[in-house]
PDB file of N, CA and C in Angstrom:
ATOM      1  N   MET A   1      56.574 -16.667   3.775  1.00  0.00           N
ATOM      2  CA  MET A   1      55.805 -17.518   4.724  1.00  0.00           C
ATOM      3  C   MET A   1      54.941 -16.182   5.494  1.00  0.00           C
ATOM      4  N   SER A   2      55.413 -15.147   6.007  1.00  0.00           N
ATOM      5  CA  SER A   2      54.882 -13.841   6.476  1.00  0.00           C
ATOM      6  C   SER A   2      54.023 -13.438   6.013  1.00  0.00           C
ATOM      7  N   ASN A   3      53.895 -13.253   4.585  1.00  0.00           N
ATOM      8  CA  ASN A   3      52.788 -12.715   3.496  1.00  0.00           C
ATOM      9  C   ASN A   3      51.269 -13.694   3.947  1.00  0.00           C
ATOM     10  N   TYR A   4      51.776 -14.993   3.980  1.00  0.00           N
ATOM     11  CA  TYR A   4      50.269 -15.842   4.495  1.00  0.00           C
ATOM     12  C   TYR A   4      49.689 -15.623   5.685  1.00  0.00           C
ATOM     13  N   ILE A   5      50.697 -15.459   6.588  1.00  0.00           N
ATOM     14  CA  ILE A   5      50.256 -14.991   8.097  1.00  0.00           C
ATOM     15  C   ILE A   5      49.287 -13.488   8.015  1.00  0.00           C
ATOM     16  N   VAL A   6      49.923 -12.495   7.216  1.00  0.00           N
ATOM     17  CA  VAL A   6      49.417 -11.100   7.018  1.00  0.00           C
ATOM     18  C   VAL A   6      47.718 -11.644   6.684  1.00  0.00           C
ATOM     19  N   VAL A   7      48.031 -12.539   5.460  1.00  0.00           N
ATOM     20  CA  VAL A   7      46.762 -12.451   4.577  1.00  0.00           C
ATOM     21  C   VAL A   7      45.696 -12.963   5.581  1.00  0.00           C
ATOM     22  N   SER A   8      45.912 -14.451   6.192  1.00  0.00           N
ATOM     23  CA  SER A   8      45.149 -14.948   7.093  1.00  0.00           C
ATOM     24  C   SER A   8      44.545 -14.560   8.256  1.00  0.00           C
ATOM     25  N   ALA A   9      45.934 -13.251   8.177  1.00  0.00           N
ATOM     26  CA  ALA A   9      44.883 -12.537   9.737  1.00  0.00           C
ATOM     27  C   ALA A   9      43.526 -11.560   9.307  1.00  0.00           C
ATOM     28  N   ILE A  10      44.497 -10.927   8.299  1.00  0.00           N
ATOM     29  CA  ILE A  10      43.254 -10.183   7.453  1.00  0.00           C
ATOM     30  C   ILE A  10      42.140 -10.658   7.213  1.00  0.00           C
ATOM     31  N   THR A  11      41.844 -11.922   6.891  1.00  0.00           N
ATOM     32  CA  THR A  11      40.955 -12.415   6.161  1.00  0.00           C
ATOM     33  C   THR A  11      40.229 -13.020   7.676  1.00  0.00           C
ATOM     34  N   GLY A  12      40.651 -13.369   8.372  1.00  0.00           N
ATOM     35  CA  GLY A  12      40.345 -13.890   9.656  1.00  0.00           C
ATOM     36  C   GLY A  12      39.488 -12.812  10.347  1.00  0.00           C
ATOM     37  N   GLY A  13      40.365 -11.622  10.287  1.00  0.00           N
ATOM     38  CA  GLY A  13      39.344 -10.511  10.966  1.00  0.00           C
ATOM     39  C   GLY A  13      38.347 -10.137  10.462  1.00  0.00           C
ATOM     40  N   CYS A  14      38.155 -10.047   8.980  1.00  0.00           N
ATOM     41  CA  CYS A  14      36.709  -9.695   8.527  1.00  0.00           C
ATOM     42  C   CYS A  14      35.841 -10.723   8.242  1.00  0.00           C
ATOM     43  N   SER A  15      36.062 -12.049   8.476  1.00  0.00           N
ATOM     44  CA  SER A  15      35.278 -13.122   8.644  1.00  0.00           C
ATOM     45  C   SER A  15      34.711 -12.789   9.838  1.00  0.00           C
ATOM     46  N   VAL A  16      35.387 -12.334  11.372  1.00  0.00           N
ATOM     47  CA  VAL A  16      34.407 -12.086  12.595  1.00  0.00           C
ATOM     48  C   VAL A  16      33.692 -10.748  12.509  1.00  0.00           C
ATOM     49  N   VAL A  17      34.269 -10.069  11.609  1.00  0.00           N
ATOM     50  CA  VAL A  17      33.431  -8.735  11.859  1.00  0.00           C
ATOM     51  C   VAL A  17      32.097  -9.074  10.861  1.00  0.00           C
ATOM     52  N   PHE A  18      32.084  -9.763   9.781  1.00  0.00           N
ATOM     53  CA  PHE A  18      31.121 -10.000   8.852  1.00  0.00           C
ATOM     54  C   PHE A  18      29.963 -11.032   9.611  1.00  0.00           C
ATOM     55  N   ILE A  19      30.553 -12.006  10.503  1.00  0.00           N
ATOM     56  CA  ILE A  19      29.747 -13.043  11.049  1.00  0.00           C
ATOM     57  C   ILE A  19      28.884 -12.418  12.221  1.00  0.00           C
ATOM     58  N   SER A  20      29.865 -11.523  12.947  1.00  0.00           N
ATOM     59  CA  SER A  20      29.121 -10.699  14.160  1.00  0.00           C
ATOM     60  C   SER A  20      28.187  -9.774  13.952  1.00  0.00           C
ATOM     61  N   GLN A  21      28.503  -8.923  12.654  1.00  0.00           N
ATOM     62  CA  GLN A  21      27.409  -8.094  12.130  1.00  0.00           C
ATOM     63  C   GLN A  21      25.940  -8.554  11.660  1.00  0.00           C
ATOM     64  N   ALA A  22      26.063 -10.014  11.066  1.00  0.00           N
ATOM     65  CA  ALA A  22      25.171 -10.788  10.695  1.00  0.00           C
ATOM     66  C   ALA A  22      24.412 -11.130  11.754  1.00  0.00           C
ATOM     67  N   ILE A  23      24.967 -11.569  12.918  1.00  0.00           N
ATOM     68  CA  ILE A  23      24.114 -11.974  13.953  1.00  0.00           C
ATOM     69  C   ILE A  23      23.376 -10.588  14.780  1.00  0.00           C
ATOM     70  N   LYS A  24      24.183  -9.391  14.798  1.00  0.00           N
ATOM     71  CA  LYS A  24      23.304  -8.333  15.372  1.00  0.00           C
ATOM     72  C   LYS A  24      22.025  -8.226  14.386  1.00  0.00           C
ATOM     73  N   THR A  25      22.481  -8.318  13.278  1.00  0.00           N
ATOM     74  CA  THR A  25      21.075  -7.704  12.266  1.00  0.00           C
ATOM     75  C   THR A  25      20.240  -8.637  12.510  1.00  0.00           C
ATOM     76  N   ALA A  26      20.231 -10.252  12.756  1.00  0.00           N
ATOM     77  CA  ALA A  26      19.328 -11.070  12.716  1.00  0.00           C
ATOM     78  C   ALA A  26      18.567 -10.705  14.323  1.00  0.00           C
ATOM     79  N   LYS A  27      19.553 -10.812  15.170  1.00  0.00           N
ATOM     80  CA  LYS A  27      18.633 -10.359  16.527  1.00  0.00           C
ATOM     81  C   LYS A  27      18.051  -9.152  16.383  1.00  0.00           C
ATOM     82  N   ASP A  28      18.121  -7.994  15.745  1.00  0.00           N
ATOM     83  CA  ASP A  28      17.547  -6.903  15.737  1.00  0.00           C
ATOM     84  C   ASP A  28      16.410  -7.413  14.598  1.00  0.00           C
ATOM     85  N   ARG A  29      16.401  -7.813  13.870  1.00  0.00           N
ATOM     86  CA  ARG A  29      15.169  -8.107  12.969  1.00  0.00           C
ATOM     87  C   ARG A  29      14.159  -9.036  13.818  1.00  0.00           C
ATOM     88  N   ARG A  30      14.606  -9.892  14.454  1.00  0.00           N
ATOM     89  CA  ARG A  30      13.889 -10.826  15.709  1.00  0.00           C
ATOM     90  C   ARG A  30      13.141  -9.903  16.125  1.00  0.00           C
ATOM     91  N   ASP A  31      13.835  -8.978  17.387  1.00  0.00           N
ATOM     92  CA  ASP A  31      13.153  -8.345  18.065  1.00  0.00           C
ATOM     93  C   ASP A  31      12.371  -7.041  17.844  1.00  0.00           C
ATOM     94  N   SER A  32      12.596  -6.883  16.937  1.00  0.00           N
ATOM     95  CA  SER A  32      11.867  -5.730  15.963  1.00  0.00           C
ATOM     96  C   SER A  32      10.482  -6.082  15.532  1.00  0.00           C
ATOM     97  N   ASN A  33      10.557  -7.332  15.187  1.00  0.00           N
ATOM     98  CA  ASN A  33       9.313  -8.151  14.828  1.00  0.00           C
ATOM     99  C   ASN A  33       8.467  -8.282  15.703  1.00  0.00           C
ATOM    100  N   ARG A  34       8.981  -8.794  16.894  1.00  0.00           N
ATOM    101  CA  ARG A  34       8.157  -9.018  18.336  1.00  0.00           C
ATOM    102  C   ARG A  34       7.731  -7.801  18.904  1.00  0.00           C
ATOM    103  N   ILE A  35       7.956  -6.620  18.692  1.00  0.00           N
ATOM    104  CA  ILE A  35       7.837  -5.243  19.066  1.00  0.00           C
ATOM    105  C   ILE A  35       6.755  -4.687  18.164  1.00  0.00           C
ATOM    106  N   TYR A  36       6.919  -5.256  16.894  1.00  0.00           N
ATOM    107  CA  TYR A  36       5.877  -4.901  15.745  1.00  0.00           C
ATOM    108  C   TYR A  36       4.475  -5.783  15.985  1.00  0.00           C
ATOM    109  N   GLN A  37       4.797  -6.845  16.303  1.00  0.00           N
ATOM    110  CA  GLN A  37       3.408  -7.870  16.385  1.00  0.00           C
ATOM    111  C   GLN A  37       2.683  -7.423  17.576  1.00  0.00           C
ATOM    112  N   PHE A  38       3.864  -7.156  18.685  1.00  0.00           N
ATOM    113  CA  PHE A  38       2.635  -6.582  20.029  1.00  0.00           C
ATOM    114  C   PHE A  38       1.889  -5.399  19.580  1.00  0.00           C
ATOM    115  N   LEU A  39       2.367  -4.432  18.878  1.00  0.00           N
ATOM    116  CA  LEU A  39       1.635  -3.068  18.604  1.00  0.00           C
ATOM    117  C   LEU A  39       0.510  -3.325  17.691  1.00  0.00           C
ATOM    118  N   CYS A  40       0.771  -4.386  16.676  1.00  0.00           N
ATOM    119  CA  CYS A  40      -0.355  -4.888  15.559  1.00  0.00           C
ATOM    120  C   CYS A  40      -1.234  -5.567  16.740  1.00  0.00           C
ATOM    121  N   ARG A  41      -0.885  -6.566  17.754  1.00  0.00           N
ATOM    122  CA  ARG A  41      -1.799  -6.897  18.289  1.00  0.00           C
ATOM    123  C   ARG A  41      -3.161  -6.205  19.067  1.00  0.00           C
ATOM    124  N   SER A  42      -2.087  -4.971  19.697  1.00  0.00           N
ATOM    125  CA  SER A  42      -2.681  -3.777  20.633  1.00  0.00           C
ATOM    126  C   SER A  42      -3.565  -3.363  20.093  1.00  0.00           C
ATOM    127  N   LEU A  43      -3.654  -2.989  18.424  1.00  0.00           N
ATOM    128  CA  LEU A  43      -4.211  -2.221  17.915  1.00  0.00           C
ATOM    129  C   LEU A  43      -5.375  -2.783  17.280  1.00  0.00           C
ATOM    130  N   LYS A  44      -5.259  -4.206  16.796  1.00  0.00           N
ATOM    131  CA  LYS A  44      -6.484  -4.797  16.328  1.00  0.00           C
ATOM    132  C   LYS A  44      -7.174  -5.240  17.511  1.00  0.00           C
ATOM    133  N   ASP A  45      -6.836  -5.283  18.778  1.00  0.00           N
ATOM    134  CA  ASP A  45      -7.629  -5.729  20.011  1.00  0.00           C
ATOM    135  C   ASP A  45      -8.641  -4.411  20.853  1.00  0.00           C
ATOM    136  N   GLY A  46      -8.447  -3.475  19.858  1.00  0.00           N
ATOM    137  CA  GLY A  46      -8.756  -2.043  20.571  1.00  0.00           C
ATOM    138  C   GLY A  46      -8.393  -1.500  21.701  1.00  0.00           C
ATOM    139  N   GLN A  47      -7.511  -2.067  22.178  1.00  0.00           N
ATOM    140  CA  GLN A  47      -6.975  -1.690  23.406  1.00  0.00           C
ATOM    141  C   GLN A  47      -6.349  -0.200  23.511  1.00  0.00           C
ATOM    142  N   TYR A  48      -5.681  -0.005  22.987  1.00  0.00           N
ATOM    143  CA  TYR A  48      -4.405   1.185  22.743  1.00  0.00           C
ATOM    144  C   TYR A  48      -4.163   1.391  21.350  1.00  0.00           C
ATOM    145  N   ARG A  49      -3.582   2.740  21.018  1.00  0.00           N
ATOM    146  CA  ARG A  49      -3.465   3.243  19.761  1.00  0.00           C
ATOM    147  C   ARG A  49      -1.780   3.375  20.334  1.00  0.00           C
ATOM    148  N   PHE A  50      -1.612   4.078  21.284  1.00  0.00           N
ATOM    149  CA  PHE A  50      -0.140   4.231  21.257  1.00  0.00           C
ATOM    150  C   PHE A  50       0.394   3.429  22.732  1.00  0.00           C
ATOM    151  N   ARG A  51       1.232   2.865  22.761  1.00  0.00           N
ATOM    152  CA  ARG A  51       2.360   2.134  23.451  1.00  0.00           C
ATOM    153  C   ARG A  51       3.337   2.560  23.982  1.00  0.00           C
ATOM    154  N   SER A  52       3.754   2.852  25.513  1.00  0.00           N
ATOM    155  CA  SER A  52       5.092   3.095  25.886  1.00  0.00           C
ATOM    156  C   SER A  52       5.820   2.293  25.688  1.00  0.00           C
ATOM    157  N   SER A  53       7.406   2.785  25.683  1.00  0.00           N
ATOM    158  CA  SER A  53       8.669   1.850  25.562  1.00  0.00           C
ATOM    159  C   SER A  53       8.477   1.015  26.638  1.00  0.00           C
ATOM    160  N   GLU A  54       8.170   1.386  28.184  1.00  0.00           N
ATOM    161  CA  GLU A  54       8.387   0.734  29.145  1.00  0.00           C
ATOM    162  C   GLU A  54       7.001  -0.576  29.205  1.00  0.00           C
ATOM    163  N   ALA A  55       5.693  -0.372  28.576  1.00  0.00           N
ATOM    164  CA  ALA A  55       4.814  -1.254  28.264  1.00  0.00           C
ATOM    165  C   ALA A  55       5.303  -2.439  27.505  1.00  0.00           C
ATOM    166  N   ILE A  56       5.933  -1.979  26.344  1.00  0.00           N
ATOM    167  CA  ILE A  56       6.663  -2.928  25.393  1.00  0.00           C
ATOM    168  C   ILE A  56       7.495  -3.605  25.891  1.00  0.00           C
ATOM    169  N   SER A  57       8.511  -2.970  26.725  1.00  0.00           N
ATOM    170  CA  SER A  57       9.650  -3.884  27.282  1.00  0.00           C
ATOM    171  C   SER A  57       8.885  -4.832  28.415  1.00  0.00           C
ATOM    172  N   ALA A  58       8.187  -4.534  28.959  1.00  0.00           N
ATOM    173  CA  ALA A  58       7.416  -5.446  29.917  1.00  0.00           C
ATOM    174  C   ALA A  58       7.140  -6.641  29.272  1.00  0.00           C
ATOM    175  N   VAL A  59       6.312  -6.410  28.186  1.00  0.00           N
ATOM    176  CA  VAL A  59       5.625  -7.457  27.295  1.00  0.00           C
ATOM    177  C   VAL A  59       6.602  -8.700  26.449  1.00  0.00           C
ATOM    178  N   THR A  60       7.500  -7.473  25.735  1.00  0.00           N
ATOM    179  CA  THR A  60       8.618  -8.340  25.129  1.00  0.00           C
ATOM    180  C   THR A  60       9.936  -8.626  25.780  1.00  0.00           C
ATOM    181  N   ASN A  61      10.109  -8.294  27.264  1.00  0.00           N
ATOM    182  CA  ASN A  61      11.047  -8.753  27.966  1.00  0.00           C
ATOM    183  C   ASN A  61      12.521  -8.339  27.306  1.00  0.00           C
ATOM    184  N   LEU A  62      12.297  -7.089  26.520  1.00  0.00           N
ATOM    185  CA  LEU A  62      13.462  -6.513  25.873  1.00  0.00           C
ATOM    186  C   LEU A  62      13.486  -5.212  26.772  1.00  0.00           C
ATOM    187  N   GLY A  63      14.944  -4.461  27.228  1.00  0.00           N
ATOM    188  CA  GLY A  63      15.228  -3.265  27.810  1.00  0.00           C
ATOM    189  C   GLY A  63      14.236  -2.169  26.965  1.00  0.00           C
ATOM    190  N   VAL A  64      14.148  -1.054  27.849  1.00  0.00           N
ATOM    191  CA  VAL A  64      13.415   0.272  27.591  1.00  0.00           C
ATOM    192  C   VAL A  64      14.543   0.778  26.198  1.00  0.00           C
ATOM    193  N   SER A  65      15.566   0.887  26.588  1.00  0.00           N
ATOM    194  CA  SER A  65      16.523   1.457  25.502  1.00  0.00           C
ATOM    195  C   SER A  65      16.355   0.692  24.405  1.00  0.00           C
ATOM    196  N   ARG A  66      16.553  -0.488  24.420  1.00  0.00           N
ATOM    197  CA  ARG A  66      16.617  -1.369  23.133  1.00  0.00           C
ATOM    198  C   ARG A  66      15.192  -1.100  22.392  1.00  0.00           C
ATOM    199  N   VAL A  67      14.190  -0.965  23.066  1.00  0.00           N
ATOM    200  CA  VAL A  67      12.848  -1.116  22.466  1.00  0.00           C
ATOM    201  C   VAL A  67      12.751   0.401  21.601  1.00  0.00           C
ATOM    202  N   ALA A  68      13.157   1.429  22.260  1.00  0.00           N
ATOM    203  CA  ALA A  68      13.225   2.886  21.910  1.00  0.00           C
ATOM    204  C   ALA A  68      13.974   3.056  20.709  1.00  0.00           C
ATOM    205  N   GLU A  69      15.390   2.564  20.598  1.00  0.00           N
ATOM    206  CA  GLU A  69      16.521   2.025  19.572  1.00  0.00           C
ATOM    207  C   GLU A  69      15.356   1.485  18.191  1.00  0.00           C
ATOM    208  N   LEU A  70      14.835   0.423  19.147  1.00  0.00           N
ATOM    209  CA  LEU A  70      14.501  -0.681  17.387  1.00  0.00           C
ATOM    210  C   LEU A  70      13.127  -0.173  16.991  1.00  0.00           C
ATOM    211  N   CYS A  71      12.396   0.723  17.866  1.00  0.00           N
ATOM    212  CA  CYS A  71      10.853   1.288  17.204  1.00  0.00           C
ATOM    213  C   CYS A  71      11.502   2.716  16.574  1.00  0.00           C
ATOM    214  N   SER A  72      12.576   3.168  16.568  1.00  0.00           N
ATOM    215  CA  SER A  72      12.810   4.293  15.978  1.00  0.00           C
ATOM    216  C   SER A  72      13.376   3.980  14.928  1.00  0.00           C
ATOM    217  N   LYS A  73      14.185   2.815  14.311  1.00  0.00           N
ATOM    218  CA  LYS A  73      14.592   2.654  13.070  1.00  0.00           C
ATOM    219  C   LYS A  73      13.438   1.772  12.269  1.00  0.00           C
ATOM    220  N   HIS A  74      12.309   1.383  12.817  1.00  0.00           N
ATOM    221  CA  HIS A  74      11.386   0.587  12.088  1.00  0.00           C
ATOM    222  C   HIS A  74      10.615   1.336  11.509  1.00  0.00           C
ATOM    223  N   GLY A  75      10.659   1.113  10.124  1.00  0.00           N
ATOM    224  CA  GLY A  75       9.451   1.513   9.029  1.00  0.00           C
ATOM    225  C   GLY A  75       8.031   1.803   9.383  1.00  0.00           C
ATOM    226  N   ASP A  76       7.531   0.739   9.728  1.00  0.00           N
ATOM    227  CA  ASP A  76       6.285   0.983  10.274  1.00  0.00           C
ATOM    228  C   ASP A  76       5.904   1.141  11.718  1.00  0.00           C
ATOM    229  N   ILE A  77       6.600   1.957  12.495  1.00  0.00           N
ATOM    230  CA  ILE A  77       6.450   2.100  13.734  1.00  0.00           C
ATOM    231  C   ILE A  77       6.674   3.538  13.836  1.00  0.00           C
ATOM    232  N   GLU A  78       5.976   4.578  14.579  1.00  0.00           N
ATOM    233  CA  GLU A  78       5.632   6.070  14.520  1.00  0.00           C
ATOM    234  C   GLU A  78       6.076   6.013  15.877  1.00  0.00           C
ATOM    235  N   ARG A  79       6.764   7.290  16.384  1.00  0.00           N
ATOM    236  CA  ARG A  79       6.520   7.983  17.876  1.00  0.00           C
ATOM    237  C   ARG A  79       5.554   8.955  17.587  1.00  0.00           C
ATOM    238  N   LYS A  80       5.036   9.210  18.701  1.00  0.00           N
ATOM    239  CA  LYS A  80       4.036  10.155  19.271  1.00  0.00           C
ATOM    240  C   LYS A  80       4.735  11.525  19.476  1.00  0.00           C
ATOM    241  N   GLU A  81       4.422  12.499  18.739  1.00  0.00           N
ATOM    242  CA  GLU A  81       5.097  13.792  18.574  1.00  0.00           C
ATOM    243  C   GLU A  81       5.641  14.307  19.971  1.00  0.00           C
ATOM    244  N   GLN A  82       4.582  14.084  20.531  1.00  0.00           N
ATOM    245  CA  GLN A  82       4.977  15.214  22.162  1.00  0.00           C
ATOM    246  C   GLN A  82       5.577  14.433  23.140  1.00  0.00           C
ATOM    247  N   HIS A  83       5.450  12.718  22.808  1.00  0.00           N
ATOM    248  CA  HIS A  83       5.931  11.822  23.763  1.00  0.00           C
ATOM    249  C   HIS A  83       7.049  11.399  23.494  1.00  0.00           C
ATOM    250  N   ARG A  84       8.349  11.408  24.053  1.00  0.00           N
ATOM    251  CA  ARG A  84       9.470  10.742  23.432  1.00  0.00           C
ATOM    252  C   ARG A  84       9.523   9.088  23.325  1.00  0.00           C
ATOM    253  N   HIS A  85       8.940   8.620  24.468  1.00  0.00           N
ATOM    254  CA  HIS A  85       8.857   6.850  24.333  1.00  0.00           C
ATOM    255  C   HIS A  85       7.364   6.396  24.271  1.00  0.00           C
ATOM    256  N   MET A  86       6.503   7.139  23.237  1.00  0.00           N
ATOM    257  CA  MET A  86       5.241   6.318  22.916  1.00  0.00           C
ATOM    258  C   MET A  86       5.238   5.991  21.584  1.00  0.00           C
ATOM    259  N   TRP A  87       4.549   4.693  21.220  1.00  0.00           N
ATOM    260  CA  TRP A  87       5.050   4.112  20.087  1.00  0.00           C
ATOM    261  C   TRP A  87       3.354   3.247  19.396  1.00  0.00           C
ATOM    262  N   ARG A  88       3.676   3.727  18.350  1.00  0.00           N
ATOM    263  CA  ARG A  88       2.239   3.106  17.636  1.00  0.00           C
ATOM    264  C   ARG A  88       2.408   2.172  16.323  1.00  0.00           C
ATOM    265  N   VAL A  89       1.920   1.514  15.932  1.00  0.00           N
ATOM    266  CA  VAL A  89       2.154   0.905  14.305  1.00  0.00           C
ATOM    267  C   VAL A  89       1.448   2.042  13.306  1.00  0.00           C
ATOM    268  N   GLY A  90       2.220   2.691  12.627  1.00  0.00           N
ATOM    269  CA  GLY A  90       1.717   3.454  11.627  1.00  0.00           C
ATOM    270  C   GLY A  90       1.721   3.635  10.297  1.00  0.00           C
ATOM    271  N   GLY A  91       1.768   4.466   9.251  1.00  0.00           N
ATOM    272  CA  GLY A  91       1.830   4.198   8.217  1.00  0.00           C
ATOM    273  C   GLY A  91       0.812   3.548   7.240  1.00  0.00           C
ATOM    274  N   SER A  92       1.849   3.108   6.442  1.00  0.00           N
ATOM    275  CA  SER A  92       0.388   2.029   5.453  1.00  0.00           C
ATOM    276  C   SER A  92       0.202   0.689   6.337  1.00  0.00           C
ATOM    277  N   ALA A  93       0.841   0.340   7.282  1.00  0.00           N
ATOM    278  CA  ALA A  93       0.307  -0.928   8.135  1.00  0.00           C
ATOM    279  C   ALA A  93      -0.722  -0.465   9.017  1.00  0.00           C
ATOM    280  N   ASN A  94      -0.974   0.776   9.598  1.00  0.00           N
ATOM    281  CA  ASN A  94      -2.058   1.199  10.026  1.00  0.00           C
ATOM    282  C   ASN A  94      -3.781   1.211   9.410  1.00  0.00           C
ATOM    283  N   HIS A  95      -3.044   1.700   8.177  1.00  0.00           N
ATOM    284  CA  HIS A  95      -4.570   1.583   7.158  1.00  0.00           C
ATOM    285  C   HIS A  95      -4.790   0.415   7.152  1.00  0.00           C
ATOM    286  N   ARG A  96      -4.209  -0.769   7.041  1.00  0.00           N
ATOM    287  CA  ARG A  96      -4.935  -2.099   7.071  1.00  0.00           C
ATOM    288  C   ARG A  96      -6.177  -2.526   7.835  1.00  0.00           C
ATOM    289  N   PHE A  97      -5.833  -1.989   9.165  1.00  0.00           N
ATOM    290  CA  PHE A  97      -6.985  -1.893  10.507  1.00  0.00           C
ATOM    291  C   PHE A  97      -7.910  -1.480  10.132  1.00  0.00           C
ATOM    292  N   LYS A  98      -8.436  -0.561   9.267  1.00  0.00           N
ATOM    293  CA  LYS A  98      -9.364   0.531   9.241  1.00  0.00           C
ATOM    294  C   LYS A  98      -9.911   0.383   7.833  1.00  0.00           C
ATOM    295  N   LEU A  99     -10.035  -0.821   7.172  1.00  0.00           N
ATOM    296  CA  LEU A  99     -10.291  -0.971   5.670  1.00  0.00           C
ATOM    297  C   LEU A  99     -11.719  -0.906   5.920  1.00  0.00           C
ATOM    298  N   LYS A 100     -12.272  -1.967   6.586  1.00  0.00           N
ATOM    299  CA  LYS A 100     -13.865  -1.999   6.805  1.00  0.00           C
ATOM    300  C   LYS A 100     -14.038  -2.278   8.380  1.00  0.00           C
ATOM    301  N   LYS A 101     -15.163  -1.580   8.493  1.00  0.00           N
ATOM    302  CA  LYS A 101     -15.402  -1.522  10.048  1.00  0.00           C
ATOM    303  C   LYS A 101     -16.096  -3.239  10.012  1.00  0.00           C
ATOM    304  N   GLY A 102     -15.308  -3.861  11.246  1.00  0.00           N
ATOM    305  CA  GLY A 102     -15.441  -4.993  11.514  1.00  0.00           C
ATOM    306  C   GLY A 102     -14.863  -6.032  10.685  1.00  0.00           C
ATOM    307  N   ARG A 103     -14.148  -5.743   9.957  1.00  0.00           N
ATOM    308  CA  ARG A 103     -13.309  -6.600   9.336  1.00  0.00           C
ATOM    309  C   ARG A 103     -12.065  -6.232   9.093  1.00  0.00           C
ATOM    310  N   GLN A 104     -10.891  -7.416   9.699  1.00  0.00           N
ATOM    311  CA  GLN A 104      -9.634  -6.978  10.029  1.00  0.00           C
ATOM    312  C   GLN A 104      -8.866  -8.070   9.072  1.00  0.00           C
ATOM    313  N   LEU A 105      -7.692  -7.708   8.503  1.00  0.00           N
ATOM    314  CA  LEU A 105      -6.674  -8.248   8.356  1.00  0.00           C
ATOM    315  C   LEU A 105      -5.886  -8.987   9.130  1.00  0.00           C
ATOM    316  N   PHE A 106      -5.886  -8.803  10.348  1.00  0.00           N
ATOM    317  CA  PHE A 106      -4.618  -9.576  11.387  1.00  0.00           C
ATOM    318  C   PHE A 106      -5.405 -10.511  11.786  1.00  0.00           C
TER     319      PHE A 106
END
């Protein structure tokens, strides 16, 4: 009888950890996408090439530290070398905006 209790406790504990990690991953993906879309709109509109963590935070309603954390992990978002909290769409995503003058894909 006690073996079943131990097995059930371990299974339940693993399930809780798995479900909470899945929820965190989904929230991170959702928030990263909000940041990325905002940076793409800023670049597309020709307003700004780099945006500060504070500006991104104000628009996306995310904390400044969360914005910095998610931007640093995102594959298509780059940090400005001289400034710790300045971000832009970088890499291959940035080239889509420069394909042809006057013709944008977004």
